[in-house]
Amino acid sequence: MATDHSVPALLERFGGVDALAARLQEVAGQLRPGQEIEAHVEVEHGFIELFRWRSVVDQVLEPLVHLSLDDARAIDPSFEVGDDVGELQAELLPKVLAQL
């Protein structure tokens, strides 16, 4: 029998939005070590998004947590050094849900 990964079912299983988001982030962190992954649970519309956050820097020393200014400006020209960029990780969500 398949596990129900609908948002209402996951909320019931994990006891609320905060607990579900924490578990999603924990599993995502295991699948993507060294990356800062943040989970957004949208209850009203019933969807989940995972974002990888990186800081904009002049010189990239750690690609898992830093993004060059040129690469950031390719996403949005208004980014400056010191900004944080959230990148949607849609391909990661099915892998995370499979681990729940």
Protein backbone atom coordinates (compact mmCIF):
# COMPACT_ATOMS: atom_id res chain seq x y z
CA MET A 1 0.00 0.00 0.00
CA ALA A 2 1.35 3.43 -0.98
CA THR A 3 2.00 6.06 1.68
CA ASP A 4 -0.22 9.14 1.47
CA HIS A 5 2.06 12.13 0.87
CA SER A 6 -0.72 14.70 0.66
CA VAL A 7 -0.15 17.75 2.83
CA PRO A 8 -3.16 17.01 5.11
CA ALA A 9 -1.97 13.43 5.67
CA LEU A 10 1.61 14.54 6.37
CA LEU A 11 0.41 17.23 8.78
CA GLU A 12 -1.60 14.66 10.69
CA ARG A 13 1.28 12.17 10.69
CA PHE A 14 3.89 14.66 11.93
CA GLY A 15 1.67 16.74 14.21
CA GLY A 16 1.61 20.10 12.45
CA VAL A 17 3.37 22.45 10.08
CA ASP A 18 6.46 23.11 12.20
CA ALA A 19 7.13 19.44 12.90
CA LEU A 20 6.59 18.50 9.25
CA ALA A 21 8.88 21.29 8.01
CA ALA A 22 11.57 20.26 10.51
CA ARG A 23 11.39 16.63 9.37
CA LEU A 24 11.50 17.62 5.68
CA GLN A 25 14.56 19.78 6.34
CA GLU A 26 16.23 17.00 8.32
CA VAL A 27 15.76 14.45 5.53
CA ALA A 28 16.79 16.97 2.85
CA GLY A 29 19.94 17.73 4.85
CA GLN A 30 20.79 14.02 4.92
CA LEU A 31 20.34 13.81 1.14
CA ARG A 32 22.26 17.05 0.51
CA PRO A 33 24.93 17.30 3.23
CA GLY A 34 26.46 20.73 3.67
CA GLN A 35 23.59 22.56 1.99
CA GLU A 36 21.11 24.79 3.78
CA ILE A 37 17.67 23.50 2.80
CA GLU A 38 14.48 25.18 3.98
CA ALA A 39 11.01 23.64 3.69
CA HIS A 40 7.87 25.67 3.09
CA VAL A 41 4.56 23.95 3.78
CA GLU A 42 1.62 25.76 2.20
CA VAL A 43 -1.39 24.42 4.07
CA GLU A 44 -4.14 26.40 2.36
CA HIS A 45 -3.19 25.29 -1.16
CA GLY A 46 -1.68 21.96 -0.12
CA PHE A 47 1.85 22.08 -1.45
CA ILE A 48 5.42 21.80 -0.22
CA GLU A 49 8.50 23.58 -1.57
CA LEU A 50 12.16 23.04 -0.74
CA PHE A 51 14.67 25.85 -1.18
CA ARG A 52 18.46 25.76 -1.07
CA TRP A 53 19.89 28.96 0.40
CA ARG A 54 23.28 30.37 -0.59
CA SER A 55 24.99 33.66 0.19
CA VAL A 56 26.18 35.95 -2.58
CA VAL A 57 29.94 36.52 -2.34
CA ASP A 58 32.74 38.10 -4.38
CA GLN A 59 34.78 34.89 -4.42
CA VAL A 60 33.18 31.46 -4.10
CA LEU A 61 35.18 29.31 -1.68
CA GLU A 62 32.38 26.93 -0.70
CA PRO A 63 30.00 26.30 -3.64
CA LEU A 64 27.48 24.50 -1.45
CA VAL A 65 26.79 27.66 0.56
CA HIS A 66 28.10 30.48 -1.65
CA LEU A 67 27.02 31.88 -5.02
CA SER A 68 29.05 34.29 -7.14
CA LEU A 69 27.67 37.76 -7.76
CA ASP A 70 27.55 37.05 -11.51
CA ASP A 71 25.55 33.84 -10.99
CA ALA A 72 23.21 35.59 -8.57
CA ARG A 73 22.63 38.45 -10.99
CA ALA A 74 21.80 35.92 -13.72
CA ILE A 75 18.83 35.00 -11.49
CA ASP A 76 17.97 38.58 -10.55
CA PRO A 77 20.04 41.66 -11.48
CA SER A 78 19.24 43.34 -8.16
CA PHE A 79 21.29 40.87 -6.05
CA GLU A 80 24.29 42.29 -4.19
CA VAL A 81 27.15 40.74 -2.21
CA GLY A 82 25.79 39.67 1.18
CA ASP A 83 22.31 38.83 -0.08
CA ASP A 84 20.89 35.34 0.38
CA VAL A 85 19.47 33.53 -2.63
CA GLY A 86 16.79 30.86 -2.28
CA GLU A 87 16.75 28.37 -5.13
CA LEU A 88 13.74 26.07 -5.56
CA GLN A 89 14.79 22.41 -5.35
CA ALA A 90 11.78 20.77 -7.03
CA GLU A 91 13.75 17.65 -8.01
CA LEU A 92 14.64 17.01 -4.36
CA LEU A 93 11.07 16.83 -3.02
CA PRO A 94 10.16 13.34 -4.35
CA LYS A 95 13.40 11.97 -2.88
CA VAL A 96 12.64 13.53 0.50
CA LEU A 97 9.04 12.31 0.51
CA ALA A 98 10.21 8.78 -0.31
CA GLN A 99 12.26 8.83 2.92
CA LEU A 100 9.34 9.81 5.17
